[in-house]
Structure formats: C-alpha cells, structure tokens
C-alpha cells in the first residue's frame, strides 16, 4: 500500500511539472500570450513583424498617413484657364475699325456691322485653326485670350486695327469624368469658374448608396489617391478643386474589422464578442471598435495587452522608427501595442483611426492562464487517482474479507 501512496503523489506532480515547464502550450487558448507577442517572431520560417508601442506621437504620424485627397494633392488653388485641345470646336469673329479693310467692304451699305464671323471649325490634329489672311494659327495648349492675340498679331499689318474674339462652341477636351457608383455616370466639360469634387459628383447625380460605405478615387495626370466619401463632406480641405481631364471614380466597399481574444460577450453575439464587425460609419476610432466588439472582458482580459495588427507601407514604417531592412516587400507587418489599463490609454485610443480589415486582439490575463492550468491539473489528478483509489478500496475490502 505504501507503493500505491507514492504513485498517487509522484504522477500528478510529474504532470504538473510538464504543464508549467512546457509553457502550458497544451492548454486551449484563443490566441498568443502577451509575452509571446512582445517577444517577437522566433520561428525563422514564420512571418516577421514589428511591435510598436501606441503613443500620442505614433498616432500623430499615422494621422498624416490616412487616405485623404488633401494629403495626396496639396495644391488648393482653382484650376487655371481652360486651354484648347485637338478636336475642340471654336468660332472666330474678327472686327475692323473702319470699312475698306480686309473683311469690311468699302461700301458701307453693303453689309451692316464692322465684323465678320467665320464658320465653326475644329482644332486640327496639328493643333491649329485656320484664319483668312492669317493662315494657320496655333490653338492647342493656349487659352482663349492667347489665341485672340495670335490672330490680331497675324492681321495687324493688313487689316484696319483688327480685333478678334474666339469662342468655344463645343468643348471636347478639358473634360471631367465621373464614373462608378453614381446615379448618372457622365463626362462633361470643366467649368471655367472652377468647381470642387462634390460639385462634380453632384453633376453626375450623386452617390447611389449610403455615403459612409463609399470611397472616392481621384486620378490626375497619372497620379491616384483615395479617400472616404465622408472625408469630403466632414473635412472640407479634402473637397479640393477638380481640374480639366480629371477622372473621379466612386465605389462601394463596406469597411470591417476583426476582433479576437478576451472580449465581453454578455451583450450578445450580434453586438459583441469575437468576429467581424462593420464600421457602419465613414470612420471609427480604436476605442469605438473595442466598444463595438463588446469591450474587454472583466473576467478574462488583460487590458494592458491590447494589440492591433495592420500592414503599413515602408514609408510610414520608417517614419515610425521601424528598421525596414529586416523585411521584404512594400508592406511591413506591424503590431500596435496599447495599454488600456492606463487612463491615458483610452484618450490615445480615441485618436487612433481604424482601417479596413484591421485585427484587434486582447490577450488573456496571466491569472486566467494560471486558472486554466490549475483546472486542467485538477482534472488530470482526478483521472489518475480514480483507478488508484479503486485499487486501494479493493485491497481494503479484500483484507476485511480475510479477517472474517
């Protein structure tokens, strides 16, 4: 019986030692321990990532990197005067100061007025228009005033104090295209007075769907930039002027984020807990996202270990102080670490803007992991002791039977 007693003690403690010295890796978990995240990627074949502590300075850097038109196109001035292009249809009217010149006959009663209007003509493939006695006059790339001056200079030695007026009859270049998720996709002439992006979208019938799900892409001279439609409405500096030959494309892309780990599920699976959650707004902060997922669990969460997973461009990662020489490709995997146990952590979280497909993970508190290990240990001890106790009971019963 002494041997049995030794076995009952040694076996459970052997199992307990395996649990703690093995890092409790055999226990169930919804994600990595906070210590494992902060230790970095140890597997040489695994994906490397950079760990960045979320501070007000880091938030300020990221605020400059959010997708906004104002960040990509810094020119706030209205477009310059519209210039003629190949295919534009124009009309030319020439005035003379007195009769007897090139265009007004000497007999004053033959025709009223001291001007002549030429038939409409297109700017040819060489970029010219034709004016009698002036020949080919350059028009492509020039403004209305510049073309008028060229015509006057070509006629001033032959006509009597000539003046010219050039009018645009059919504007076939300097157009603005608005495409995609609008009610009336169209291509229309740019306004000489200048207009903003929201004005152009309005001319195309406005967006078809809810504004907070819409994105706006502006393409200009080979450059592209994206911004939420809400940024044009609520941040007026993003509602920049459109320029001739700009292309505006609207598309719908509902934004979502993922939440894993020790979130509170008491409010119900539809409004809290782990899973995918829509923004339902044109932008939300990290604090709003945590609340939308149910908030950190009071029974399980380590509020000092809230992590956000995201890919950043090399330019942004370098500005964050990350050594990008350790990574390949244009996107650097980054894990942001924020402490919501500190009161100031919530203020930082309200300034941190979420992006589409961000992943939030809240690690379990160390005490939770210890409780799981102890529970598992008790289960193992009970399982191991059951046959031993049964054997002891059988041995005692056998001795009692012999005594009788």
Protein backbone atom coordinates (compact mmCIF):
# COMPACT_ATOMS: atom_id res chain seq x y z
CA UNK A 1 0.00 0.00 0.00
CA UNK A 2 2.99 2.27 0.60
CA UNK A 3 3.97 1.86 -3.04
CA UNK A 4 0.50 2.90 -4.12
CA UNK A 5 0.70 6.02 -1.98
CA UNK A 6 3.98 7.06 -3.60
CA UNK A 7 2.48 6.67 -7.07
CA UNK A 8 -0.51 8.88 -6.22
CA UNK A 9 1.85 11.71 -5.27
CA UNK A 10 4.54 11.39 -7.94
CA UNK A 11 2.36 11.01 -11.04
CA UNK A 12 0.29 14.21 -10.64
CA UNK A 13 3.34 16.31 -9.78
CA UNK A 14 5.13 14.97 -12.83
CA UNK A 15 2.19 16.06 -14.99
CA UNK A 16 2.05 19.45 -13.28
CA UNK A 17 5.73 19.98 -13.97
CA UNK A 18 5.19 19.21 -17.65
CA UNK A 19 2.38 21.80 -17.78
CA UNK A 20 4.35 24.70 -16.32
CA UNK A 21 7.78 23.96 -17.71
CA UNK A 22 6.23 23.34 -21.12
CA UNK A 23 4.70 26.82 -21.13
CA UNK A 24 1.14 25.49 -20.88
CA UNK A 25 1.20 25.04 -24.65
CA UNK A 26 -1.18 22.09 -24.43
CA UNK A 27 -3.91 24.25 -22.88
CA UNK A 28 -6.68 25.72 -25.09
CA UNK A 29 -6.34 29.43 -25.96
CA UNK A 30 -7.91 31.93 -28.37
CA UNK A 31 -4.57 33.48 -29.28
CA UNK A 32 -0.99 34.11 -28.19
CA UNK A 33 0.06 35.20 -24.74
CA UNK A 34 1.01 38.87 -24.39
CA UNK A 35 4.57 37.81 -23.55
CA UNK A 36 4.77 35.85 -26.80
CA UNK A 37 3.58 38.84 -28.85
CA UNK A 38 6.12 41.16 -27.25
CA UNK A 39 8.90 38.60 -27.65
CA UNK A 40 8.60 38.84 -31.44
CA UNK A 41 8.68 36.17 -34.10
CA UNK A 42 11.02 33.40 -33.04
CA UNK A 43 10.28 31.00 -35.87
CA UNK A 44 12.75 31.84 -38.70
CA UNK A 45 10.28 30.50 -41.26
CA UNK A 46 7.34 32.46 -39.86
CA UNK A 47 6.20 35.93 -40.86
CA UNK A 48 8.28 38.63 -39.22
CA UNK A 49 6.54 41.65 -37.69
CA UNK A 50 7.40 44.87 -35.91
CA UNK A 51 6.00 45.73 -32.48
CA UNK A 52 5.17 49.42 -31.97
CA UNK A 53 4.01 50.95 -28.70
CA UNK A 54 0.99 53.20 -29.38
CA UNK A 55 1.78 56.70 -28.11
CA UNK A 56 0.45 60.17 -28.99
CA UNK A 57 3.49 60.71 -31.22
CA UNK A 58 2.80 57.48 -33.13
CA UNK A 59 -0.88 58.45 -33.52
CA UNK A 60 0.15 61.83 -34.98
CA UNK A 61 2.38 60.11 -37.53
CA UNK A 62 -0.39 57.72 -38.53
CA UNK A 63 -2.90 60.58 -38.79
CA UNK A 64 -0.81 62.02 -41.63
CA UNK A 65 -0.88 58.67 -43.44
CA UNK A 66 -4.65 58.15 -43.52
CA UNK A 67 -6.13 58.02 -47.05
CA UNK A 68 -7.11 61.62 -47.79
CA UNK A 69 -7.14 63.61 -51.03
CA UNK A 70 -5.69 66.62 -49.25
CA UNK A 71 -2.58 64.59 -48.38
CA UNK A 72 -2.01 63.47 -51.97
CA UNK A 73 -2.91 66.69 -53.83
CA UNK A 74 -1.60 69.60 -51.84
CA UNK A 75 -2.47 72.24 -54.45
CA UNK A 76 -5.59 74.02 -53.16
CA UNK A 77 -5.76 76.64 -55.94
CA UNK A 78 -8.56 76.59 -58.52
CA UNK A 79 -7.72 75.31 -62.00
CA UNK A 80 -6.08 77.68 -64.42
CA UNK A 81 -7.79 78.95 -67.54
CA UNK A 82 -9.07 76.24 -69.85
CA UNK A 83 -6.80 75.64 -72.83
CA UNK A 84 -7.86 74.47 -76.25
CA UNK A 85 -7.12 70.94 -77.38
CA UNK A 86 -7.31 68.93 -80.57
CA UNK A 87 -10.96 68.40 -81.50
CA UNK A 88 -12.38 71.43 -79.71
CA UNK A 89 -14.82 73.34 -81.94
CA UNK A 90 -14.35 77.11 -81.94
CA UNK A 91 -15.75 80.14 -83.71
CA UNK A 92 -13.74 83.25 -84.63
CA UNK A 93 -15.16 86.76 -85.02
CA UNK A 94 -12.92 89.50 -86.47
CA UNK A 95 -13.60 93.23 -86.08
CA UNK A 96 -12.11 96.13 -88.04
CA UNK A 97 -12.14 99.79 -87.06
CA UNK A 98 -13.31 101.09 -90.45
CA UNK A 99 -14.59 99.97 -93.82
CA UNK A 100 -12.27 99.23 -96.69
CA UNK A 101 -10.09 96.78 -94.87
CA UNK A 102 -9.69 93.02 -95.33
CA UNK A 103 -13.09 91.97 -94.03
CA UNK A 104 -15.39 95.05 -94.31
CA UNK A 105 -16.23 96.31 -97.82
CA UNK A 106 -15.71 99.97 -98.69
CA UNK A 107 -19.39 100.42 -99.49
CA UNK A 108 -20.88 100.92 -96.05
CA UNK A 109 -24.36 100.00 -97.13
CA UNK A 110 -23.50 96.56 -98.47
CA UNK A 111 -23.47 94.88 -95.05
CA UNK A 112 -24.23 96.14 -91.55
CA UNK A 113 -21.65 95.93 -88.83
CA UNK A 114 -17.88 96.10 -88.80
CA UNK A 115 -17.16 92.44 -88.13
CA UNK A 116 -17.18 89.04 -89.77
CA UNK A 117 -17.83 85.67 -88.11
CA UNK A 118 -16.02 82.68 -89.56
CA UNK A 119 -17.67 79.25 -89.78
CA UNK A 120 -17.19 76.91 -86.84
CA UNK A 121 -14.05 74.81 -87.07
CA UNK A 122 -12.23 72.19 -85.04
CA UNK A 123 -8.69 72.44 -83.79
CA UNK A 124 -6.90 70.17 -86.24
CA UNK A 125 -4.55 67.31 -85.46
CA UNK A 126 -1.60 69.70 -85.64
CA UNK A 127 -3.20 71.94 -83.03
CA UNK A 128 -4.07 74.82 -85.39
CA UNK A 129 -7.10 76.71 -86.65
CA UNK A 130 -7.33 78.50 -89.98
CA UNK A 131 -7.99 82.25 -90.29
CA UNK A 132 -8.17 84.01 -93.68
CA UNK A 133 -5.11 86.19 -94.41
CA UNK A 134 -3.52 84.89 -91.19
CA UNK A 135 -3.04 81.28 -92.21
CA UNK A 136 -2.72 78.58 -89.58
CA UNK A 137 -2.92 79.94 -86.05
CA UNK A 138 -1.77 77.90 -83.11
CA UNK A 139 -4.58 76.98 -80.68
CA UNK A 140 -3.63 73.74 -78.91
CA UNK A 141 -2.44 74.35 -75.37
CA UNK A 142 -3.36 78.04 -75.48
CA UNK A 143 -6.08 79.98 -73.72
CA UNK A 144 -8.83 81.95 -75.43
CA UNK A 145 -7.01 85.25 -74.86
CA UNK A 146 -3.72 83.89 -76.21
CA UNK A 147 -5.34 82.68 -79.45
CA UNK A 148 -7.05 86.04 -79.93
CA UNK A 149 -3.70 87.81 -79.54
CA UNK A 150 -2.09 85.50 -82.12
CA UNK A 151 -4.84 86.28 -84.66
CA UNK A 152 -4.51 90.05 -84.11
CA UNK A 153 -0.73 89.89 -84.47
CA UNK A 154 -1.08 87.99 -87.74
CA UNK A 155 -3.56 90.55 -89.19
CA UNK A 156 -2.44 93.89 -87.77
CA UNK A 157 -0.23 94.80 -90.72
CA UNK A 158 -3.03 94.17 -93.23
CA UNK A 159 -6.38 94.85 -91.54
CA UNK A 160 -7.55 98.14 -90.07
CA UNK A 161 -6.98 97.96 -86.30
CA UNK A 162 -8.20 94.37 -86.11
CA UNK A 163 -9.69 92.78 -83.02
CA UNK A 164 -10.61 89.10 -82.62
CA UNK A 165 -12.99 87.20 -80.39
CA UNK A 166 -12.59 83.41 -80.12
CA UNK A 167 -15.41 81.41 -78.54
CA UNK A 168 -15.55 77.74 -77.58
CA UNK A 169 -18.58 76.19 -79.26
CA UNK A 170 -18.09 72.51 -78.38
CA UNK A 171 -15.63 71.58 -75.63
CA UNK A 172 -14.31 68.14 -76.49
CA UNK A 173 -11.18 68.27 -74.38
CA UNK A 174 -10.68 69.58 -70.83
CA UNK A 175 -13.42 67.23 -69.71
CA UNK A 176 -14.15 65.75 -66.28
CA UNK A 177 -15.20 62.10 -65.99
CA UNK A 178 -17.29 60.86 -63.06
CA UNK A 179 -17.73 57.09 -63.09
CA UNK A 180 -18.73 54.18 -60.90
CA UNK A 181 -21.31 54.17 -58.15
CA UNK A 182 -23.15 57.36 -59.13
CA UNK A 183 -26.67 57.81 -60.44
CA UNK A 184 -25.67 59.33 -63.78
CA UNK A 185 -22.09 58.47 -64.81
CA UNK A 186 -21.02 61.06 -67.34
CA UNK A 187 -18.25 63.07 -68.93
CA UNK A 188 -18.81 66.79 -69.02
CA UNK A 189 -16.82 69.97 -69.73
CA UNK A 190 -14.82 71.51 -66.94
CA UNK A 191 -16.23 74.75 -65.65
CA UNK A 192 -14.26 77.89 -66.43
CA UNK A 193 -15.20 79.23 -62.99
CA UNK A 194 -13.82 76.11 -61.26
CA UNK A 195 -15.69 73.55 -59.17
CA UNK A 196 -14.95 71.14 -56.34
CA UNK A 197 -15.14 67.34 -56.30
CA UNK A 198 -18.52 67.29 -54.56
CA UNK A 199 -19.83 69.66 -57.25
CA UNK A 200 -18.70 67.26 -59.97
CA UNK A 201 -20.23 64.27 -58.16
CA UNK A 202 -23.48 66.22 -57.85
CA UNK A 203 -23.48 66.87 -61.60
CA UNK A 204 -23.25 63.09 -62.04
CA UNK A 205 -26.34 62.50 -59.89
CA UNK A 206 -24.62 61.90 -56.55
CA UNK A 207 -23.70 58.54 -54.97
CA UNK A 208 -26.14 55.65 -55.26
CA UNK A 209 -25.66 54.26 -51.76
CA UNK A 210 -25.01 55.34 -48.20
CA UNK A 211 -22.14 57.78 -48.09
CA UNK A 212 -20.22 56.04 -45.29
CA UNK A 213 -19.68 52.95 -47.46
CA UNK A 214 -18.48 54.94 -50.47
CA UNK A 215 -14.88 55.59 -51.49
CA UNK A 216 -13.70 58.25 -53.92
CA UNK A 217 -10.70 57.79 -56.18
CA UNK A 218 -9.26 60.80 -57.99
CA UNK A 219 -6.90 60.29 -60.93
CA UNK A 220 -4.97 63.30 -62.19
CA UNK A 221 -2.00 63.37 -64.55
CA UNK A 222 -1.10 59.75 -63.81
CA UNK A 223 -1.46 60.05 -60.03
CA UNK A 224 -4.18 58.39 -57.97
CA UNK A 225 -5.47 58.97 -54.46
CA UNK A 226 -8.27 57.50 -52.35
CA UNK A 227 -10.48 58.94 -49.63
CA UNK A 228 -13.75 58.01 -47.94
CA UNK A 229 -16.69 59.96 -49.28
CA UNK A 230 -17.34 61.15 -45.73
CA UNK A 231 -13.93 62.83 -45.67
CA UNK A 232 -15.05 65.13 -48.49
CA UNK A 233 -18.19 66.07 -46.55
CA UNK A 234 -16.87 66.39 -42.99
CA UNK A 235 -13.31 67.53 -43.74
CA UNK A 236 -13.70 70.40 -46.24
CA UNK A 237 -9.98 70.57 -47.04
CA UNK A 238 -10.39 67.24 -48.88
CA UNK A 239 -13.06 68.71 -51.16
CA UNK A 240 -10.40 70.07 -53.50
CA UNK A 241 -10.88 71.66 -56.90
CA UNK A 242 -11.24 69.37 -59.91
CA UNK A 243 -9.01 70.07 -62.88
CA UNK A 244 -9.64 69.51 -66.57
CA UNK A 245 -9.16 65.85 -67.58
CA UNK A 246 -9.58 64.60 -64.00
CA UNK A 247 -11.28 61.22 -63.51
CA UNK A 248 -13.40 60.64 -60.40
CA UNK A 249 -14.42 57.09 -59.58
CA UNK A 250 -16.83 56.13 -56.78
CA UNK A 251 -17.15 52.59 -55.48
CA UNK A 252 -18.80 50.91 -52.52
CA UNK A 253 -16.65 48.98 -50.05
CA UNK A 254 -18.11 48.39 -46.58
CA UNK A 255 -15.35 48.64 -44.00
CA UNK A 256 -14.95 45.93 -41.37
CA UNK A 257 -12.57 44.97 -38.59
CA UNK A 258 -11.88 41.66 -36.84
CA UNK A 259 -11.90 41.14 -33.07
CA UNK A 260 -10.37 38.16 -31.26
CA UNK A 261 -9.45 37.28 -27.72
CA UNK A 262 -10.87 38.33 -24.37
CA UNK A 263 -13.84 40.41 -25.46
CA UNK A 264 -17.04 40.65 -23.46
CA UNK A 265 -19.85 38.59 -24.98
CA UNK A 266 -22.50 39.39 -22.38
CA UNK A 267 -24.24 41.79 -24.75
CA UNK A 268 -24.92 39.04 -27.26
CA UNK A 269 -23.13 37.63 -30.27
CA UNK A 270 -24.76 40.12 -32.63
CA UNK A 271 -23.27 43.15 -30.89
CA UNK A 272 -20.24 41.88 -29.06
CA UNK A 273 -17.62 39.18 -28.80
CA UNK A 274 -15.24 37.78 -31.35
CA UNK A 275 -15.86 38.04 -35.08
CA UNK A 276 -16.10 40.51 -37.94
CA UNK A 277 -17.77 43.87 -37.33
CA UNK A 278 -18.79 46.59 -39.82
CA UNK A 279 -17.78 50.19 -39.22
CA UNK A 280 -21.30 51.45 -40.04
CA UNK A 281 -19.65 54.87 -40.31
CA UNK A 282 -17.16 56.52 -42.60
CA UNK A 283 -14.55 56.25 -39.85
CA UNK A 284 -14.26 54.94 -36.27
CA UNK A 285 -11.56 55.06 -33.63
CA UNK A 286 -9.89 52.15 -31.86
CA UNK A 287 -11.88 52.95 -28.72
CA UNK A 288 -15.13 52.79 -30.70
CA UNK A 289 -14.08 49.49 -32.28
CA UNK A 290 -13.33 47.88 -28.91
CA UNK A 291 -16.69 49.05 -27.61
CA UNK A 292 -18.45 47.80 -30.74
CA UNK A 293 -16.99 44.34 -30.15
CA UNK A 294 -18.35 44.29 -26.61
CA UNK A 295 -15.42 45.75 -24.70
CA UNK A 296 -12.70 43.96 -22.78
CA UNK A 297 -13.94 41.12 -20.59
CA UNK A 298 -13.73 41.97 -16.90
CA UNK A 299 -13.19 38.28 -16.09
CA UNK A 300 -10.55 37.36 -18.65
CA UNK A 301 -8.94 40.36 -20.39
CA UNK A 302 -5.50 41.79 -19.77
CA UNK A 303 -6.39 45.41 -20.59
CA UNK A 304 -2.71 46.28 -20.58
CA UNK A 305 -2.20 43.95 -23.57
CA UNK A 306 -4.42 45.14 -26.42
CA UNK A 307 -2.86 44.55 -29.84
CA UNK A 308 -3.83 45.79 -33.30
CA UNK A 309 -2.47 44.02 -36.39
CA UNK A 310 -2.03 46.01 -39.62
CA UNK A 311 0.22 46.33 -42.65
CA UNK A 312 1.94 49.69 -43.19
CA UNK A 313 3.85 51.00 -46.18
CA UNK A 314 7.62 51.21 -45.96
CA UNK A 315 7.48 55.00 -45.89
CA UNK A 316 5.15 55.04 -42.89
CA UNK A 317 7.02 52.23 -41.13
CA UNK A 318 10.30 54.11 -41.49
CA UNK A 319 8.72 57.22 -40.00
CA UNK A 320 7.52 55.07 -37.09
CA UNK A 321 11.13 54.15 -36.39
CA UNK A 322 10.97 50.56 -37.68
CA UNK A 323 14.12 49.01 -39.16
CA UNK A 324 12.67 48.01 -42.53
CA UNK A 325 15.86 46.27 -43.67
CA UNK A 326 14.61 43.16 -41.87
CA UNK A 327 11.50 42.94 -44.05
CA UNK A 328 10.80 42.22 -47.69
CA UNK A 329 8.10 43.70 -49.88
CA UNK A 330 6.36 47.09 -49.85
CA UNK A 331 4.12 46.32 -46.84
CA UNK A 332 5.55 45.93 -43.34
CA UNK A 333 3.52 43.81 -40.84
CA UNK A 334 3.07 45.89 -37.70
CA UNK A 335 1.54 45.01 -34.32
CA UNK A 336 0.49 48.06 -32.31
CA UNK A 337 0.53 47.62 -28.53
CA UNK A 338 -1.74 49.79 -26.37
CA UNK A 339 -2.31 49.75 -22.62
CA UNK A 340 -5.98 50.33 -21.77
CA UNK A 341 -5.30 49.81 -18.09
CA UNK A 342 -3.83 53.31 -18.03
CA UNK A 343 -6.40 56.14 -18.08
CA UNK A 344 -4.48 57.95 -20.83
CA UNK A 345 -4.65 54.83 -22.99
CA UNK A 346 -8.31 55.49 -23.74
CA UNK A 347 -7.55 59.03 -24.86
CA UNK A 348 -4.93 57.68 -27.25
CA UNK A 349 -7.39 55.04 -28.48
CA UNK A 350 -9.97 57.72 -29.34
CA UNK A 351 -7.44 59.40 -31.65
CA UNK A 352 -6.28 56.22 -33.38
CA UNK A 353 -8.27 55.80 -36.61
CA UNK A 354 -9.21 52.27 -37.63
CA UNK A 355 -8.70 51.00 -41.19
CA UNK A 356 -10.48 48.36 -43.21
CA UNK A 357 -9.58 44.78 -42.18
CA UNK A 358 -7.70 45.78 -39.03
CA UNK A 359 -7.41 42.98 -36.46
CA UNK A 360 -7.79 43.66 -32.72
CA UNK A 361 -6.63 41.06 -30.21
CA UNK A 362 -6.98 41.30 -26.42
CA UNK A 363 -4.79 38.84 -24.56
CA UNK A 364 -5.94 36.86 -21.54
CA UNK A 365 -4.72 37.98 -18.12
CA UNK A 366 -1.92 35.79 -16.64
CA UNK A 367 -4.25 34.74 -13.84
CA UNK A 368 -6.68 33.31 -16.40
CA UNK A 369 -3.97 31.16 -17.90
CA UNK A 370 -2.95 30.01 -14.42
CA UNK A 371 -6.57 29.17 -13.55
CA UNK A 372 -6.90 27.12 -16.74
CA UNK A 373 -3.69 25.29 -15.91
CA UNK A 374 -4.85 24.52 -12.38
CA UNK A 375 -8.24 23.34 -13.63
CA UNK A 376 -6.55 21.07 -16.12
CA UNK A 377 -4.20 19.86 -13.42
CA UNK A 378 -7.11 19.00 -11.11
CA UNK A 379 -8.81 17.10 -13.91
CA UNK A 380 -5.65 15.11 -14.59
CA UNK A 381 -5.13 14.42 -10.89
CA UNK A 382 -8.70 13.20 -10.54
CA UNK A 383 -8.35 11.00 -13.60
CA UNK A 384 -5.08 9.47 -12.35
CA UNK A 385 -6.33 8.98 -8.80
CA UNK A 386 -9.58 7.24 -9.75
CA UNK A 387 -8.02 3.83 -10.56
CA UNK A 388 -5.61 4.12 -7.63
CA UNK A 389 -8.42 4.82 -5.18
CA UNK A 390 -10.42 1.99 -6.67
CA UNK A 391 -7.47 -0.36 -6.21
CA UNK A 392 -6.99 0.75 -2.61
CA UNK A 393 -10.65 0.22 -1.86
CA UNK A 394 -10.48 -3.22 -3.41
CA UNK A 395 -7.37 -4.04 -1.31
CA UNK A 396 -9.06 -2.88 1.91
CA UNK A 397 -12.18 -4.88 1.09
CA UNK A 398 -10.08 -7.95 0.44
CA UNK A 399 -8.31 -7.62 3.80
CA UNK A 400 -11.60 -7.20 5.60
CA UNK A 401 -12.98 -10.34 3.90
CA UNK A 402 -9.97 -12.40 5.04
CA UNK A 403 -10.36 -11.11 8.61
CA UNK A 404 -13.89 -12.54 8.73
